[in-house]
Amino acid sequence: FVRLNVGGREVPTYVVRRSPTGNYGFVLESCWGVYTSFTMPRRGACAELEEDWIKSKDQWREAFLYNNGAITLPEDLSEADVEDFDAELGIVLRRRRTARLATT
């Protein structure tokens, strides 16, 4: 995987894999987009690249944290490991509450 910073904030993880089509290319995907090193076929033209193959739908926690102001994202947000998510969510919510109180 690849983790990038944009504007000082970590964005949801990019997963890098070989293309399932056998063309020796690679696919870079996150919950916000899919990028390929080859010309992307039209939707429905390549069963290997359809929704069942895409893994980024499991990244909803990372997107949620980013959209709610998290600066850093936990390393592992699999369905089985939510402790890091809960800890980061607590930080985000406290930061938002503090900011709201400071403006009143």
Protein backbone atom coordinates (compact mmCIF):
# COMPACT_ATOMS: atom_id res chain seq x y z
CA PHE A 1 0.00 0.00 0.00
CA VAL A 2 0.94 3.65 -0.38
CA ARG A 3 -0.01 6.42 2.04
CA LEU A 4 0.17 10.03 0.78
CA ASN A 5 -0.12 13.42 2.45
CA VAL A 6 -2.09 16.18 0.80
CA GLY A 7 -2.00 19.57 2.47
CA GLY A 8 -0.40 18.04 5.58
CA ARG A 9 -3.12 15.40 6.00
CA GLU A 10 -2.97 11.71 5.19
CA VAL A 11 -5.46 10.65 2.55
CA PRO A 12 -7.02 7.17 2.42
CA THR A 13 -4.57 4.43 1.51
CA TYR A 14 -3.75 3.58 -2.08
CA VAL A 15 -3.49 -0.16 -2.71
CA VAL A 16 -1.08 -1.18 -5.48
CA ARG A 17 -1.55 -4.51 -7.28
CA ARG A 18 -0.70 -6.17 -10.54
CA SER A 19 -3.39 -6.01 -13.17
CA PRO A 20 -5.62 -9.11 -13.16
CA THR A 21 -5.80 -8.94 -16.95
CA GLY A 22 -2.34 -10.42 -17.53
CA ASN A 23 -0.97 -7.33 -19.30
CA TYR A 24 1.86 -6.79 -16.75
CA GLY A 25 0.40 -3.44 -15.75
CA PHE A 26 -0.53 -2.28 -12.29
CA VAL A 27 -3.62 -0.89 -10.61
CA LEU A 28 -3.50 1.82 -7.95
CA GLU A 29 -6.78 2.22 -6.11
CA SER A 30 -8.30 3.96 -3.14
CA CYS A 31 -11.86 4.52 -2.05
CA TRP A 32 -11.87 7.66 -4.20
CA GLY A 33 -10.46 6.36 -7.46
CA VAL A 34 -8.86 3.64 -9.55
CA TYR A 35 -5.76 4.40 -11.62
CA THR A 36 -4.05 2.04 -14.05
CA SER A 37 -0.75 1.96 -15.92
CA PHE A 38 -2.69 0.88 -19.00
CA THR A 39 -5.71 2.16 -20.87
CA MET A 40 -8.73 1.35 -18.76
CA PRO A 41 -11.33 -0.71 -20.64
CA ARG A 42 -14.92 0.46 -20.73
CA ARG A 43 -17.10 -0.67 -17.83
CA GLY A 44 -18.37 -4.17 -18.47
CA ALA A 45 -15.71 -4.96 -21.08
CA CYS A 46 -13.31 -6.63 -18.63
CA ALA A 47 -14.84 -8.81 -15.92
CA GLU A 48 -11.50 -8.97 -14.05
CA LEU A 49 -11.68 -5.23 -13.28
CA GLU A 50 -15.29 -5.08 -12.12
CA GLU A 51 -16.54 -4.28 -8.62
CA ASP A 52 -15.86 -7.70 -7.07
CA TRP A 53 -12.13 -7.26 -7.70
CA ILE A 54 -11.94 -3.73 -6.28
CA LYS A 55 -10.93 -3.75 -2.60
CA SER A 56 -11.25 -0.07 -1.75
CA LYS A 57 -14.87 -0.41 -0.62
CA ASP A 58 -13.37 -1.67 2.65
CA GLN A 59 -11.78 1.77 3.24
CA TRP A 60 -14.91 3.53 4.46
CA ARG A 61 -13.36 4.13 7.89
CA GLU A 62 -10.36 5.93 6.40
CA ALA A 63 -12.61 8.13 4.25
CA PHE A 64 -14.84 8.85 7.26
CA LEU A 65 -11.87 9.92 9.39
CA TYR A 66 -10.40 12.07 6.61
CA ASN A 67 -13.75 13.74 5.89
CA ASN A 68 -14.11 14.52 9.60
CA GLY A 69 -10.74 16.22 9.96
CA ALA A 70 -8.25 13.51 10.91
CA ILE A 71 -4.61 14.51 10.35
CA THR A 72 -3.22 10.97 10.43
CA LEU A 73 -4.98 7.70 9.66
CA PRO A 74 -4.46 4.38 11.48
CA GLU A 75 -2.30 1.81 9.68
CA ASP A 76 -4.81 -1.06 9.69
CA LEU A 77 -8.54 -0.50 9.45
CA SER A 78 -9.70 -3.99 8.56
CA GLU A 79 -13.08 -5.11 9.81
CA ALA A 80 -11.42 -7.13 12.58
CA ASP A 81 -9.21 -4.30 13.91
CA VAL A 82 -11.24 -1.24 14.86
CA GLU A 83 -9.38 -0.13 18.01
CA ASP A 84 -7.18 2.29 16.05
CA PHE A 85 -10.27 3.63 14.29
CA ASP A 86 -12.05 4.20 17.60
CA ALA A 87 -8.99 5.97 19.05
CA GLU A 88 -8.57 8.25 16.03
CA LEU A 89 -12.32 8.94 15.93
CA GLY A 90 -12.15 10.04 19.57
CA ILE A 91 -9.32 12.45 18.73
CA VAL A 92 -11.24 13.88 15.76
CA LEU A 93 -14.43 14.33 17.77
CA ARG A 94 -12.60 16.01 20.68
CA ARG A 95 -10.81 18.34 18.24
CA ARG A 96 -14.13 19.29 16.61
CA ARG A 97 -15.80 19.84 19.99
CA THR A 98 -12.89 22.03 21.16
CA ALA A 99 -13.01 24.07 17.95
CA ARG A 100 -16.76 24.53 18.26
CA LEU A 101 -16.45 25.71 21.87
CA ALA A 102 -13.68 28.15 20.95
CA THR A 103 -15.95 29.87 18.41
CA THR A 104 -18.84 30.39 20.82
